[in-house]
C-alpha cells in the first residue's frame, strides 16, 4: 500500500510530503492458491490469514470471469459471510456454497473467487490507504468423473510434428483444467528449449494449445516435460508423451 503523510515545517512555511512505499501485495491472504469444490460437498471452507498490524474488512464474491466487481456476481456460488472483519495477525473462516445450476457433469468447471481488502486507517498519522483485490481460481469437480486427477499425466501429450517450423502443440485430453507453469524440451540430458509460463495458457478439459517456439531441428530423441499446478497449489512435473 502507499502511505502519504505531510509534516508542516513552521520555520520555512511549506509542507514536506513523504511518500513511503510499503509491501506491494495484500496483507490478508487466502490459505491455498486455488479452491477445489467437489460436487458432493455441501460447502467448502475458505480460510484467511492477516499479517497486518491493523484490522481489515474483506469483501468476497465469485464470478465466471477473472475481471468482475461484487455488483456483477454471476456464478452459482454464494459465500457466507461475504463481508467480514479480520483482526491484526488473526485468521477468519468463511463458507463457499454451491447453489446449483446446469454445470457439465463430465468435466470440471472453473470460476473465480475475488476478495478485496479494505484496511482500516492508522489514527496516528494522516494516510492514504489503498485497497487490494485478489483473485483465486475455483474448480468445481463433479464426483462421477471417469478419470482420476492422480493420473493427470496420462492425459497430457505433445505434438512435435511442426517443431522444425517453430510450433509445439500441447494436448490436454483429461476432464480437468491444467495450469502449466513451465514446458521444457530435453535432449541427451540437456535442456534445448524452455517455455516460460508467460507463453502458456490454462488448458480447459479436452483442449490443446499451439505454442510458438524457436525452430528445433532433429526432433528425434527429445524428451518433453511439463510442470503444472497441482491440487495443493504446488508444482508437479511430468514427462509428456509424444503424439
Protein backbone atom coordinates (compact mmCIF):
# COMPACT_ATOMS: atom_id res chain seq x y z
CA UNK A 1 0.00 0.00 0.00
CA UNK A 2 1.08 3.59 -0.44
CA UNK A 3 1.30 5.83 2.59
CA UNK A 4 1.29 9.60 2.14
CA UNK A 5 1.99 11.77 5.17
CA UNK A 6 2.52 15.50 5.43
CA UNK A 7 4.57 17.41 8.01
CA UNK A 8 4.37 21.18 8.29
CA UNK A 9 7.63 22.97 8.82
CA UNK A 10 6.76 26.14 10.76
CA UNK A 11 10.12 27.76 10.08
CA UNK A 12 10.04 27.51 6.27
CA UNK A 13 6.26 27.73 5.73
CA UNK A 14 5.94 24.76 3.41
CA UNK A 15 4.80 21.17 3.56
CA UNK A 16 7.16 18.27 3.27
CA UNK A 17 5.48 15.34 1.60
CA UNK A 18 6.96 11.98 2.31
CA UNK A 19 5.85 9.04 0.25
CA UNK A 20 6.61 5.65 1.73
CA UNK A 21 6.02 2.52 -0.26
CA UNK A 22 5.19 -0.50 1.86
CA UNK A 23 4.52 -4.05 0.65
CA UNK A 24 3.15 -4.20 -2.88
CA UNK A 25 0.81 -7.07 -2.07
CA UNK A 26 -2.18 -7.62 0.20
CA UNK A 27 -1.53 -8.41 3.86
CA UNK A 28 -4.66 -10.60 4.06
CA UNK A 29 -4.29 -13.82 2.09
CA UNK A 30 -6.26 -16.96 1.40
CA UNK A 31 -4.72 -20.16 2.72
CA UNK A 32 -4.01 -22.02 -0.53
CA UNK A 33 -3.60 -20.80 -4.10
CA UNK A 34 -6.72 -22.49 -5.51
CA UNK A 35 -10.03 -23.91 -4.37
CA UNK A 36 -11.25 -27.41 -5.29
CA UNK A 37 -15.01 -27.82 -4.86
CA UNK A 38 -16.11 -31.50 -5.04
CA UNK A 39 -19.73 -31.69 -6.19
CA UNK A 40 -20.68 -33.98 -3.29
CA UNK A 41 -19.79 -31.32 -0.71
CA UNK A 42 -22.44 -29.04 0.73
CA UNK A 43 -19.83 -26.36 1.32
CA UNK A 44 -16.08 -25.70 1.29
CA UNK A 45 -14.30 -23.67 3.95
CA UNK A 46 -12.17 -20.69 2.92
CA UNK A 47 -9.52 -19.72 5.45
CA UNK A 48 -7.91 -16.29 5.53
CA UNK A 49 -4.91 -15.01 7.46
CA UNK A 50 -3.89 -11.43 8.24
CA UNK A 51 -0.27 -10.33 8.64
CA UNK A 52 -1.24 -6.68 9.08
CA UNK A 53 -0.97 -4.61 12.24
CA UNK A 54 -4.40 -3.02 11.75
CA UNK A 55 -7.84 -4.58 11.21
CA UNK A 56 -9.20 -5.05 7.68
CA UNK A 57 -12.59 -5.55 6.10
CA UNK A 58 -12.80 -8.29 3.44
CA UNK A 59 -15.41 -8.31 0.66
CA UNK A 60 -15.78 -11.60 -1.27
CA UNK A 61 -17.69 -12.78 -4.33
CA UNK A 62 -17.47 -15.45 -7.04
CA UNK A 63 -17.65 -14.72 -10.77
CA UNK A 64 -17.39 -16.52 -14.10
CA UNK A 65 -14.69 -14.13 -15.26
CA UNK A 66 -11.45 -13.08 -13.59
CA UNK A 67 -12.42 -9.46 -14.26
CA UNK A 68 -15.56 -8.53 -12.31
CA UNK A 69 -16.97 -6.47 -9.48
CA UNK A 70 -19.05 -7.52 -6.49
CA UNK A 71 -22.04 -5.83 -8.10
CA UNK A 72 -21.87 -8.21 -11.10
CA UNK A 73 -21.62 -11.61 -9.43
CA UNK A 74 -22.84 -14.14 -12.00
CA UNK A 75 -21.89 -17.53 -10.59
CA UNK A 76 -23.83 -20.39 -8.94
CA UNK A 77 -21.99 -19.84 -5.65
CA UNK A 78 -22.61 -17.84 -2.51
CA UNK A 79 -20.20 -17.03 0.30
CA UNK A 80 -21.28 -16.68 3.90
CA UNK A 81 -20.31 -14.35 5.34
CA UNK A 82 -19.35 -12.47 2.20
CA UNK A 83 -18.15 -9.42 4.15
CA UNK A 84 -16.26 -9.71 7.41
CA UNK A 85 -13.69 -8.00 9.61
CA UNK A 86 -10.34 -9.67 10.29
CA UNK A 87 -8.23 -8.55 13.21
CA UNK A 88 -4.46 -7.99 13.07
CA UNK A 89 -2.41 -11.20 12.81
CA UNK A 90 -5.54 -13.33 13.13
CA UNK A 91 -7.44 -15.81 10.99
CA UNK A 92 -11.01 -15.90 9.73
CA UNK A 93 -13.05 -18.63 8.01
CA UNK A 94 -15.99 -18.36 5.65
CA UNK A 95 -18.01 -20.90 3.65
CA UNK A 96 -18.32 -21.30 -0.11
CA UNK A 97 -21.67 -22.86 -1.07
CA UNK A 98 -22.76 -24.16 -4.47
CA UNK A 99 -26.37 -23.13 -5.14
CA UNK A 100 -26.98 -25.43 -8.12
CA UNK A 101 -27.08 -24.99 -11.86
CA UNK A 102 -26.58 -26.71 -15.20
CA UNK A 103 -22.86 -27.34 -14.99
CA UNK A 104 -21.30 -30.15 -17.04
CA UNK A 105 -21.02 -33.45 -15.17
CA UNK A 106 -18.33 -34.92 -17.45
CA UNK A 107 -15.61 -32.33 -16.75
CA UNK A 108 -14.52 -29.59 -14.38
CA UNK A 109 -15.87 -26.05 -14.48
CA UNK A 110 -13.83 -23.02 -13.45
CA UNK A 111 -14.91 -19.91 -11.55
CA UNK A 112 -13.06 -17.10 -9.80
CA UNK A 113 -13.02 -16.21 -6.13
CA UNK A 114 -12.48 -12.47 -5.74
CA UNK A 115 -11.71 -10.70 -2.49
CA UNK A 116 -10.98 -7.08 -1.73
CA UNK A 117 -9.10 -5.95 1.35
CA UNK A 118 -10.07 -2.59 2.79
CA UNK A 119 -7.56 -1.72 5.54
CA UNK A 120 -8.56 0.39 8.50
CA UNK A 121 -6.63 3.64 8.83
CA UNK A 122 -3.99 4.25 11.45
CA UNK A 123 -5.24 7.16 13.56
CA UNK A 124 -1.70 8.14 14.49
CA UNK A 125 -0.97 9.56 11.04
CA UNK A 126 -2.65 11.10 8.05
CA UNK A 127 -2.51 8.33 5.45
CA UNK A 128 -3.99 7.27 2.16
CA UNK A 129 -4.67 3.52 2.38
CA UNK A 130 -5.03 1.61 -0.87
CA UNK A 131 -7.34 -1.39 -1.24
CA UNK A 132 -6.17 -4.65 -2.80
CA UNK A 133 -8.08 -7.10 -4.97
CA UNK A 134 -7.01 -10.73 -5.24
CA UNK A 135 -8.38 -13.48 -7.46
CA UNK A 136 -8.13 -17.25 -6.98
CA UNK A 137 -9.47 -19.98 -9.26
CA UNK A 138 -12.29 -22.28 -8.09
CA UNK A 139 -12.51 -25.68 -9.78
CA UNK A 140 -15.92 -27.32 -9.49
CA UNK A 141 -15.25 -31.06 -9.77
CA UNK A 142 -18.14 -33.50 -10.46
CA UNK A 143 -17.85 -36.61 -8.30
CA UNK A 144 -18.61 -39.10 -11.11
CA UNK A 145 -15.71 -38.25 -13.40
CA UNK A 146 -14.22 -41.28 -15.12
CA UNK A 147 -10.65 -40.10 -14.73
CA UNK A 148 -8.56 -39.51 -11.60
CA UNK A 149 -6.62 -36.32 -11.02
CA UNK A 150 -3.78 -38.52 -9.74
CA UNK A 151 -3.37 -39.86 -13.30
CA UNK A 152 -3.36 -36.44 -14.96
CA UNK A 153 -0.02 -37.12 -16.67
CA UNK A 154 -1.63 -39.99 -18.60
CA UNK A 155 -3.83 -37.49 -20.44
CA UNK A 156 -1.19 -34.90 -21.34
CA UNK A 157 0.77 -35.12 -24.58
CA UNK A 158 2.62 -33.02 -27.13
CA UNK A 159 2.69 -32.94 -30.92
CA UNK A 160 6.17 -32.20 -32.29
CA UNK A 161 5.37 -32.68 -35.99
CA UNK A 162 5.79 -28.92 -36.59
CA UNK A 163 8.72 -28.37 -34.25
CA UNK A 164 11.02 -27.67 -37.22
CA UNK A 165 8.69 -24.77 -38.11
CA UNK A 166 8.63 -23.40 -34.56
CA UNK A 167 5.25 -24.75 -33.41
CA UNK A 168 4.64 -27.08 -30.48
CA UNK A 169 1.12 -28.31 -29.66
CA UNK A 170 0.24 -29.38 -26.12
CA UNK A 171 -2.86 -31.54 -25.61
CA UNK A 172 -5.00 -31.90 -22.52
CA UNK A 173 -7.21 -34.94 -23.06
CA UNK A 174 -8.37 -35.01 -19.46
CA UNK A 175 -11.56 -33.98 -17.69
CA UNK A 176 -9.60 -31.46 -15.62
CA UNK A 177 -8.28 -27.94 -16.07
CA UNK A 178 -4.50 -27.89 -16.36
CA UNK A 179 -2.43 -24.82 -15.44
CA UNK A 180 1.12 -25.13 -16.81
CA UNK A 181 3.96 -23.17 -15.26
CA UNK A 182 6.79 -24.38 -17.48
CA UNK A 183 7.48 -26.57 -20.50
CA UNK A 184 10.96 -27.95 -21.18
CA UNK A 185 12.41 -29.95 -24.05
CA UNK A 186 15.45 -32.04 -23.18
CA UNK A 187 17.77 -33.97 -25.45
CA UNK A 188 20.62 -36.16 -24.30
CA UNK A 189 20.14 -34.87 -20.76
CA UNK A 190 20.45 -31.22 -21.82
CA UNK A 191 17.67 -28.64 -21.94
CA UNK A 192 17.33 -27.37 -25.51
CA UNK A 193 14.09 -25.40 -25.04
CA UNK A 194 12.47 -23.68 -22.07
CA UNK A 195 8.94 -22.27 -22.48
CA UNK A 196 8.06 -19.97 -19.51
CA UNK A 197 4.57 -19.63 -18.04
CA UNK A 198 4.09 -16.28 -19.81
CA UNK A 199 3.68 -18.25 -23.04
CA UNK A 200 1.44 -20.92 -21.53
CA UNK A 201 -2.31 -20.71 -21.04
CA UNK A 202 -4.57 -22.67 -18.73
CA UNK A 203 -5.81 -25.67 -20.72
CA UNK A 204 -9.53 -26.46 -20.36
CA UNK A 205 -10.62 -30.10 -20.44
CA UNK A 206 -10.26 -31.76 -23.87
CA UNK A 207 -8.35 -28.87 -25.41
CA UNK A 208 -4.96 -28.03 -26.90
CA UNK A 209 -2.66 -25.04 -27.30
CA UNK A 210 -0.27 -24.18 -30.13
CA UNK A 211 2.91 -22.65 -28.74
CA UNK A 212 5.32 -20.66 -30.86
CA UNK A 213 8.91 -21.62 -30.15
CA UNK A 214 12.29 -21.27 -31.79
CA UNK A 215 12.55 -23.92 -34.56
CA UNK A 216 14.32 -27.08 -33.50
CA UNK A 217 15.99 -29.46 -35.92
CA UNK A 218 16.47 -33.16 -35.38
CA UNK A 219 13.49 -33.81 -33.06
CA UNK A 220 14.37 -37.47 -32.59
CA UNK A 221 15.44 -38.36 -29.07
CA UNK A 222 13.84 -35.36 -27.38
CA UNK A 223 12.08 -35.61 -24.02
CA UNK A 224 9.33 -33.02 -23.32
CA UNK A 225 8.49 -32.23 -19.69
CA UNK A 226 5.69 -30.07 -18.33
CA UNK A 227 5.24 -28.52 -14.87
CA UNK A 228 1.67 -27.88 -13.72
CA UNK A 229 -0.03 -26.60 -10.57
CA UNK A 230 -1.48 -29.45 -8.54
CA UNK A 231 -4.50 -29.55 -6.20
CA UNK A 232 -2.39 -28.44 -3.23
CA UNK A 233 -1.11 -25.37 -5.06
CA UNK A 234 2.34 -26.86 -5.51
CA UNK A 235 4.04 -27.70 -8.79
CA UNK A 236 4.29 -31.22 -10.25
CA UNK A 237 6.48 -32.08 -13.23
CA UNK A 238 5.66 -34.86 -15.71
CA UNK A 239 7.19 -36.32 -18.81
CA UNK A 240 4.92 -35.72 -21.81
CA UNK A 241 4.10 -38.49 -24.24
CA UNK A 242 4.67 -37.60 -27.90
CA UNK A 243 1.81 -37.87 -30.38
